Amino acid sequence: MRKGVIAKLVLVLIFTSCASKKTNEPIVKDYQMGEKWTWKWERKVDGEVRAEGEDVQEVVKYKSTLGLWNGADTLQIPTEINKNQSSTPFRSWPLQVGKKWKYVSEWANNEGTTGKTSQDVEVVSFEELNVEAGKFEAYKIEYKGIVTNSRGFKGEMTDIWWYAPALKTYIKHINDDGYGLYTNELTSYSKAGE
């Protein structure tokens, strides 16, 4: 009986420490020049791969500080935590299991189609996930809602992102728009000089 009580107490302590963990948005001091992430992605429709590719992000010098270069554009890394987040952000910092918010985005693609994405978001767990780049602890964040566009499309869309604080980015993303499945997974991570 005593062993059972101790085992339950240990499980409660483990769950409480995971549930109370908070992760702030990474800022410039958290990055090193030359850090590099590579993801592979594919889009399947009816089980058949219709598109696939690779995305890369690397820390580079940018405007006398650091930026993230994706092969085409460079985005400056914030120097301090943003205290004035949007009321409907993609990520609501700090991340913590159980946190919920609304994500809304108006967008346009390179073909001239405009649209709007509106999703309810929840950080559902902090778990270990094995991807091609290795095994990492990550927040599992679920986005569920509706996407509409200027061509008359309206449909449900679900996204699941796994964000790894140790790598300052996501390690896996799955998007289901009702027509196909898009999967993006981290294949490699390296620090400067590796």
C-alpha atoms as a PDB file:
ATOM      1  CA  MET A   1       0.000   0.000   0.000  1.00  0.00           C
ATOM      2  CA  ARG A   2       2.776   2.443   0.919  1.00  0.00           C
ATOM      3  CA  LYS A   3       4.560   1.847  -2.425  1.00  0.00           C
ATOM      4  CA  GLY A   4       1.329   2.656  -4.292  1.00  0.00           C
ATOM      5  CA  VAL A   5       0.923   5.981  -2.454  1.00  0.00           C
ATOM      6  CA  ILE A   6       4.552   6.920  -3.133  1.00  0.00           C
ATOM      7  CA  ALA A   7       4.197   6.014  -6.820  1.00  0.00           C
ATOM      8  CA  LYS A   8       1.062   8.185  -7.120  1.00  0.00           C
ATOM      9  CA  LEU A   9       2.837  11.070  -5.363  1.00  0.00           C
ATOM     10  CA  VAL A  10       5.786  10.833  -7.788  1.00  0.00           C
ATOM     11  CA  LEU A  11       3.402  10.894 -10.782  1.00  0.00           C
ATOM     12  CA  VAL A  12       1.609  13.965  -9.379  1.00  0.00           C
ATOM     13  CA  LEU A  13       4.951  15.756  -8.857  1.00  0.00           C
ATOM     14  CA  ILE A  14       6.095  14.933 -12.405  1.00  0.00           C
ATOM     15  CA  PHE A  15       2.799  16.128 -13.908  1.00  0.00           C
ATOM     16  CA  THR A  16       2.815  19.300 -11.786  1.00  0.00           C
ATOM     17  CA  SER A  17       6.371  20.196 -12.820  1.00  0.00           C
ATOM     18  CA  CYS A  18       5.505  19.703 -16.514  1.00  0.00           C
ATOM     19  CA  ALA A  19       2.236  21.602 -16.225  1.00  0.00           C
ATOM     20  CA  SER A  20       3.864  24.546 -14.424  1.00  0.00           C
ATOM     21  CA  LYS A  21       6.779  24.832 -16.864  1.00  0.00           C
ATOM     22  CA  LYS A  22       6.690  28.083 -18.833  1.00  0.00           C
ATOM     23  CA  THR A  23       8.695  28.977 -21.907  1.00  0.00           C
ATOM     24  CA  ASN A  24       9.229  32.550 -23.052  1.00  0.00           C
ATOM     25  CA  GLU A  25       9.695  33.640 -26.641  1.00  0.00           C
ATOM     26  CA  PRO A  26      13.376  33.313 -27.622  1.00  0.00           C
ATOM     27  CA  ILE A  27      15.256  36.582 -28.129  1.00  0.00           C
ATOM     28  CA  VAL A  28      18.564  37.459 -29.782  1.00  0.00           C
ATOM     29  CA  LYS A  29      20.705  36.489 -26.742  1.00  0.00           C
ATOM     30  CA  ASP A  30      19.340  32.916 -27.005  1.00  0.00           C
ATOM     31  CA  TYR A  31      20.787  32.385 -30.520  1.00  0.00           C
ATOM     32  CA  GLN A  32      24.312  31.726 -31.813  1.00  0.00           C
ATOM     33  CA  MET A  33      25.674  32.878 -35.140  1.00  0.00           C
ATOM     34  CA  GLY A  34      25.700  29.887 -37.535  1.00  0.00           C
ATOM     35  CA  GLU A  35      22.941  27.834 -35.869  1.00  0.00           C
ATOM     36  CA  LYS A  36      21.043  25.997 -38.592  1.00  0.00           C
ATOM     37  CA  TRP A  37      17.789  24.031 -38.823  1.00  0.00           C
ATOM     38  CA  THR A  38      16.610  21.899 -41.763  1.00  0.00           C
ATOM     39  CA  TRP A  39      13.113  20.458 -42.233  1.00  0.00           C
ATOM     40  CA  LYS A  40      11.669  18.150 -44.867  1.00  0.00           C
ATOM     41  CA  TRP A  41       8.048  18.527 -45.882  1.00  0.00           C
ATOM     42  CA  GLU A  42       5.505  16.757 -48.020  1.00  0.00           C
ATOM     43  CA  ARG A  43       1.885  17.181 -49.049  1.00  0.00           C
ATOM     44  CA  LYS A  44      -0.226  14.050 -49.537  1.00  0.00           C
ATOM     45  CA  VAL A  45      -3.651  13.866 -51.143  1.00  0.00           C
ATOM     46  CA  ASP A  46      -5.483  10.528 -50.975  1.00  0.00           C
ATOM     47  CA  GLY A  47      -2.270   8.940 -49.669  1.00  0.00           C
ATOM     48  CA  GLU A  48      -0.223  10.043 -52.704  1.00  0.00           C
ATOM     49  CA  VAL A  49       2.680  12.503 -52.336  1.00  0.00           C
ATOM     50  CA  ARG A  50       1.809  15.529 -54.494  1.00  0.00           C
ATOM     51  CA  ALA A  51       4.610  17.873 -53.386  1.00  0.00           C
ATOM     52  CA  GLU A  52       7.737  17.674 -51.255  1.00  0.00           C
ATOM     53  CA  GLY A  53      10.723  19.798 -50.396  1.00  0.00           C
ATOM     54  CA  GLU A  54      13.113  21.138 -47.814  1.00  0.00           C
ATOM     55  CA  ASP A  55      13.161  24.293 -45.679  1.00  0.00           C
ATOM     56  CA  VAL A  56      16.266  25.759 -44.052  1.00  0.00           C
ATOM     57  CA  GLN A  57      16.761  28.454 -41.437  1.00  0.00           C
ATOM     58  CA  GLU A  58      20.141  29.828 -40.332  1.00  0.00           C
ATOM     59  CA  VAL A  59      21.262  32.500 -37.844  1.00  0.00           C
ATOM     60  CA  VAL A  60      23.139  35.242 -39.731  1.00  0.00           C
ATOM     61  CA  LYS A  61      24.382  38.795 -39.103  1.00  0.00           C
ATOM     62  CA  TYR A  62      21.572  41.227 -39.903  1.00  0.00           C
ATOM     63  CA  LYS A  63      21.351  45.011 -39.385  1.00  0.00           C
ATOM     64  CA  SER A  64      24.107  45.040 -36.711  1.00  0.00           C
ATOM     65  CA  THR A  65      22.423  42.203 -34.799  1.00  0.00           C
ATOM     66  CA  LEU A  66      21.236  38.675 -35.683  1.00  0.00           C
ATOM     67  CA  GLY A  67      18.538  37.457 -38.034  1.00  0.00           C
ATOM     68  CA  LEU A  68      17.016  34.206 -39.276  1.00  0.00           C
ATOM     69  CA  TRP A  69      17.705  33.591 -42.985  1.00  0.00           C
ATOM     70  CA  ASN A  70      15.476  31.115 -44.838  1.00  0.00           C
ATOM     71  CA  GLY A  71      17.291  31.083 -48.180  1.00  0.00           C
ATOM     72  CA  ALA A  72      15.332  34.038 -49.560  1.00  0.00           C
ATOM     73  CA  ASP A  73      14.534  36.486 -46.747  1.00  0.00           C
ATOM     74  CA  THR A  74      16.002  37.440 -43.384  1.00  0.00           C
ATOM     75  CA  LEU A  75      13.855  38.204 -40.347  1.00  0.00           C
ATOM     76  CA  GLN A  76      15.417  40.129 -37.475  1.00  0.00           C
ATOM     77  CA  ILE A  77      15.414  38.244 -34.165  1.00  0.00           C
ATOM     78  CA  PRO A  78      13.753  40.313 -31.406  1.00  0.00           C
ATOM     79  CA  THR A  79      16.183  41.854 -28.926  1.00  0.00           C
ATOM     80  CA  GLU A  80      13.664  41.735 -26.077  1.00  0.00           C
ATOM     81  CA  ILE A  81      10.460  39.923 -25.190  1.00  0.00           C
ATOM     82  CA  ASN A  82       7.452  41.516 -26.896  1.00  0.00           C
ATOM     83  CA  LYS A  83       5.191  42.782 -24.119  1.00  0.00           C
ATOM     84  CA  ASN A  84       2.518  43.995 -26.612  1.00  0.00           C
ATOM     85  CA  GLN A  85       1.460  40.819 -28.410  1.00  0.00           C
ATOM     86  CA  SER A  86      -1.426  40.803 -30.829  1.00  0.00           C
ATOM     87  CA  SER A  87      -4.739  39.828 -29.227  1.00  0.00           C
ATOM     88  CA  THR A  88      -4.925  36.899 -31.728  1.00  0.00           C
ATOM     89  CA  PRO A  89      -1.276  35.754 -32.116  1.00  0.00           C
ATOM     90  CA  PHE A  90       0.123  32.671 -33.818  1.00  0.00           C
ATOM     91  CA  ARG A  91       1.941  31.868 -30.561  1.00  0.00           C
ATOM     92  CA  SER A  92       0.916  33.349 -27.224  1.00  0.00           C
ATOM     93  CA  TRP A  93       3.975  33.634 -24.986  1.00  0.00           C
ATOM     94  CA  PRO A  94       4.902  32.320 -22.520  1.00  0.00           C
ATOM     95  CA  LEU A  95       3.919  28.797 -23.552  1.00  0.00           C
ATOM     96  CA  GLN A  96       2.483  26.586 -20.820  1.00  0.00           C
ATOM     97  CA  VAL A  97       0.445  23.368 -20.827  1.00  0.00           C
ATOM     98  CA  GLY A  98      -3.259  24.221 -20.629  1.00  0.00           C
ATOM     99  CA  LYS A  99      -2.911  27.709 -22.121  1.00  0.00           C
ATOM    100  CA  LYS A 100      -5.592  28.631 -24.691  1.00  0.00           C
ATOM    101  CA  TRP A 101      -6.003  31.525 -27.120  1.00  0.00           C
ATOM    102  CA  LYS A 102      -7.535  32.508 -30.472  1.00  0.00           C
ATOM    103  CA  TYR A 103      -5.366  32.783 -33.614  1.00  0.00           C
ATOM    104  CA  VAL A 104      -6.580  34.910 -36.523  1.00  0.00           C
ATOM    105  CA  SER A 105      -4.586  35.680 -39.659  1.00  0.00           C
ATOM    106  CA  GLU A 106      -5.471  37.429 -42.899  1.00  0.00           C
ATOM    107  CA  TRP A 107      -3.186  36.383 -45.739  1.00  0.00           C
ATOM    108  CA  ALA A 108      -2.480  36.478 -49.472  1.00  0.00           C
ATOM    109  CA  ASN A 109      -0.613  33.943 -51.593  1.00  0.00           C
ATOM    110  CA  ASN A 110       1.612  34.511 -54.632  1.00  0.00           C
ATOM    111  CA  GLU A 111      -1.313  33.752 -56.979  1.00  0.00           C
ATOM    112  CA  GLY A 112      -3.338  36.713 -55.651  1.00  0.00           C
ATOM    113  CA  THR A 113      -5.768  34.684 -53.542  1.00  0.00           C
ATOM    114  CA  THR A 114      -6.566  36.289 -50.184  1.00  0.00           C
ATOM    115  CA  GLY A 115      -7.965  34.531 -47.154  1.00  0.00           C
ATOM    116  CA  LYS A 116      -8.493  34.333 -43.440  1.00  0.00           C
ATOM    117  CA  THR A 117      -7.579  31.659 -40.916  1.00  0.00           C
ATOM    118  CA  SER A 118      -9.359  31.585 -37.540  1.00  0.00           C
ATOM    119  CA  GLN A 119      -8.426  28.849 -35.057  1.00  0.00           C
ATOM    120  CA  ASP A 120      -8.847  28.040 -31.366  1.00  0.00           C
ATOM    121  CA  VAL A 121      -5.468  27.076 -29.917  1.00  0.00           C
ATOM    122  CA  GLU A 122      -4.460  24.990 -26.899  1.00  0.00           C
ATOM    123  CA  VAL A 123      -1.112  23.830 -25.532  1.00  0.00           C
ATOM    124  CA  VAL A 124      -2.183  20.251 -24.793  1.00  0.00           C
ATOM    125  CA  SER A 125       1.032  18.669 -23.452  1.00  0.00           C
ATOM    126  CA  PHE A 126       4.770  18.857 -22.943  1.00  0.00           C
ATOM    127  CA  GLU A 127       6.154  15.579 -24.245  1.00  0.00           C
ATOM    128  CA  GLU A 128       9.171  13.852 -25.698  1.00  0.00           C
ATOM    129  CA  LEU A 129       9.035  13.494 -29.482  1.00  0.00           C
ATOM    130  CA  ASN A 130      11.384  11.551 -31.719  1.00  0.00           C
ATOM    131  CA  VAL A 131      12.002  13.147 -35.151  1.00  0.00           C
ATOM    132  CA  GLU A 132      14.700  12.512 -37.742  1.00  0.00           C
ATOM    133  CA  ALA A 133      16.953  15.155 -36.101  1.00  0.00           C
ATOM    134  CA  GLY A 134      16.732  13.410 -32.707  1.00  0.00           C
ATOM    135  CA  LYS A 135      14.629  13.174 -29.562  1.00  0.00           C
ATOM    136  CA  PHE A 136      13.444  16.443 -27.990  1.00  0.00           C
ATOM    137  CA  GLU A 137      11.021  17.674 -25.339  1.00  0.00           C
ATOM    138  CA  ALA A 138       8.338  19.783 -26.992  1.00  0.00           C
ATOM    139  CA  TYR A 139       5.043  21.524 -26.399  1.00  0.00           C
ATOM    140  CA  LYS A 140       2.254  19.953 -28.444  1.00  0.00           C
ATOM    141  CA  ILE A 141       0.041  22.820 -29.616  1.00  0.00           C
ATOM    142  CA  GLU A 142      -3.282  22.148 -31.376  1.00  0.00           C
ATOM    143  CA  TYR A 143      -4.963  24.695 -33.677  1.00  0.00           C
ATOM    144  CA  LYS A 144      -8.559  23.934 -34.762  1.00  0.00           C
ATOM    145  CA  GLY A 145     -10.818  26.168 -36.820  1.00  0.00           C
ATOM    146  CA  ILE A 146     -11.855  27.521 -40.199  1.00  0.00           C
ATOM    147  CA  VAL A 147     -10.051  28.818 -43.268  1.00  0.00           C
ATOM    148  CA  THR A 148     -11.773  30.887 -45.979  1.00  0.00           C
ATOM    149  CA  ASN A 149     -10.476  32.452 -49.194  1.00  0.00           C
ATOM    150  CA  SER A 150     -11.450  34.895 -51.940  1.00  0.00           C
ATOM    151  CA  ARG A 151     -12.257  32.014 -54.321  1.00  0.00           C
ATOM    152  CA  GLY A 152     -15.219  30.992 -52.183  1.00  0.00           C
ATOM    153  CA  PHE A 153     -13.521  28.207 -50.237  1.00  0.00           C
ATOM    154  CA  LYS A 154     -14.513  27.609 -46.615  1.00  0.00           C
ATOM    155  CA  GLY A 155     -13.400  24.588 -44.655  1.00  0.00           C
ATOM    156  CA  GLU A 156     -12.194  23.178 -41.382  1.00  0.00           C
ATOM    157  CA  MET A 157      -8.481  23.118 -40.742  1.00  0.00           C
ATOM    158  CA  THR A 158      -6.441  21.476 -37.988  1.00  0.00           C
ATOM    159  CA  ASP A 159      -2.766  22.110 -37.297  1.00  0.00           C
ATOM    160  CA  ILE A 160      -0.594  20.405 -34.703  1.00  0.00           C
ATOM    161  CA  TRP A 161       2.782  21.963 -33.930  1.00  0.00           C
ATOM    162  CA  TRP A 162       5.485  20.572 -31.639  1.00  0.00           C
ATOM    163  CA  TYR A 163       7.656  23.432 -30.350  1.00  0.00           C
ATOM    164  CA  ALA A 164      10.997  22.456 -28.738  1.00  0.00           C
ATOM    165  CA  PRO A 165      12.288  25.154 -26.341  1.00  0.00           C
ATOM    166  CA  ALA A 166      15.857  23.773 -26.467  1.00  0.00           C
ATOM    167  CA  LEU A 167      15.944  24.413 -30.249  1.00  0.00           C
ATOM    168  CA  LYS A 168      13.888  27.635 -30.180  1.00  0.00           C
ATOM    169  CA  THR A 169      11.636  26.381 -32.970  1.00  0.00           C
ATOM    170  CA  TYR A 170       9.175  23.722 -33.999  1.00  0.00           C
ATOM    171  CA  ILE A 171      10.343  20.171 -34.696  1.00  0.00           C
ATOM    172  CA  LYS A 172       7.177  18.877 -36.349  1.00  0.00           C
ATOM    173  CA  HIS A 173       4.017  20.280 -37.936  1.00  0.00           C
ATOM    174  CA  ILE A 174       0.981  18.440 -39.311  1.00  0.00           C
ATOM    175  CA  ASN A 175      -1.751  20.295 -41.232  1.00  0.00           C
ATOM    176  CA  ASP A 176      -5.046  18.668 -42.217  1.00  0.00           C
ATOM    177  CA  ASP A 177      -7.257  20.894 -44.392  1.00  0.00           C
ATOM    178  CA  GLY A 178      -9.774  18.181 -45.251  1.00  0.00           C
ATOM    179  CA  TYR A 179      -8.296  17.625 -48.723  1.00  0.00           C
ATOM    180  CA  GLY A 180      -4.779  16.586 -47.925  1.00  0.00           C
ATOM    181  CA  LEU A 181      -2.176  16.167 -45.232  1.00  0.00           C
ATOM    182  CA  TYR A 182       0.894  18.392 -44.996  1.00  0.00           C
ATOM    183  CA  THR A 183       3.743  17.159 -42.778  1.00  0.00           C
ATOM    184  CA  ASN A 184       6.929  19.043 -41.909  1.00  0.00           C
ATOM    185  CA  GLU A 185       9.643  17.478 -39.718  1.00  0.00           C
ATOM    186  CA  LEU A 186      13.057  18.644 -38.484  1.00  0.00           C
ATOM    187  CA  THR A 187      15.783  16.541 -40.110  1.00  0.00           C
ATOM    188  CA  SER A 188      18.875  18.295 -38.737  1.00  0.00           C
ATOM    189  CA  TYR A 189      20.050  20.937 -36.285  1.00  0.00           C
ATOM    190  CA  SER A 190      23.603  22.200 -35.906  1.00  0.00           C
ATOM    191  CA  LYS A 191      25.420  24.896 -33.964  1.00  0.00           C
ATOM    192  CA  ALA A 192      28.155  27.097 -35.376  1.00  0.00           C
ATOM    193  CA  GLY A 193      31.131  25.070 -36.574  1.00  0.00           C
ATOM    194  CA  GLU A 194      29.431  21.661 -36.345  1.00  0.00           C
END
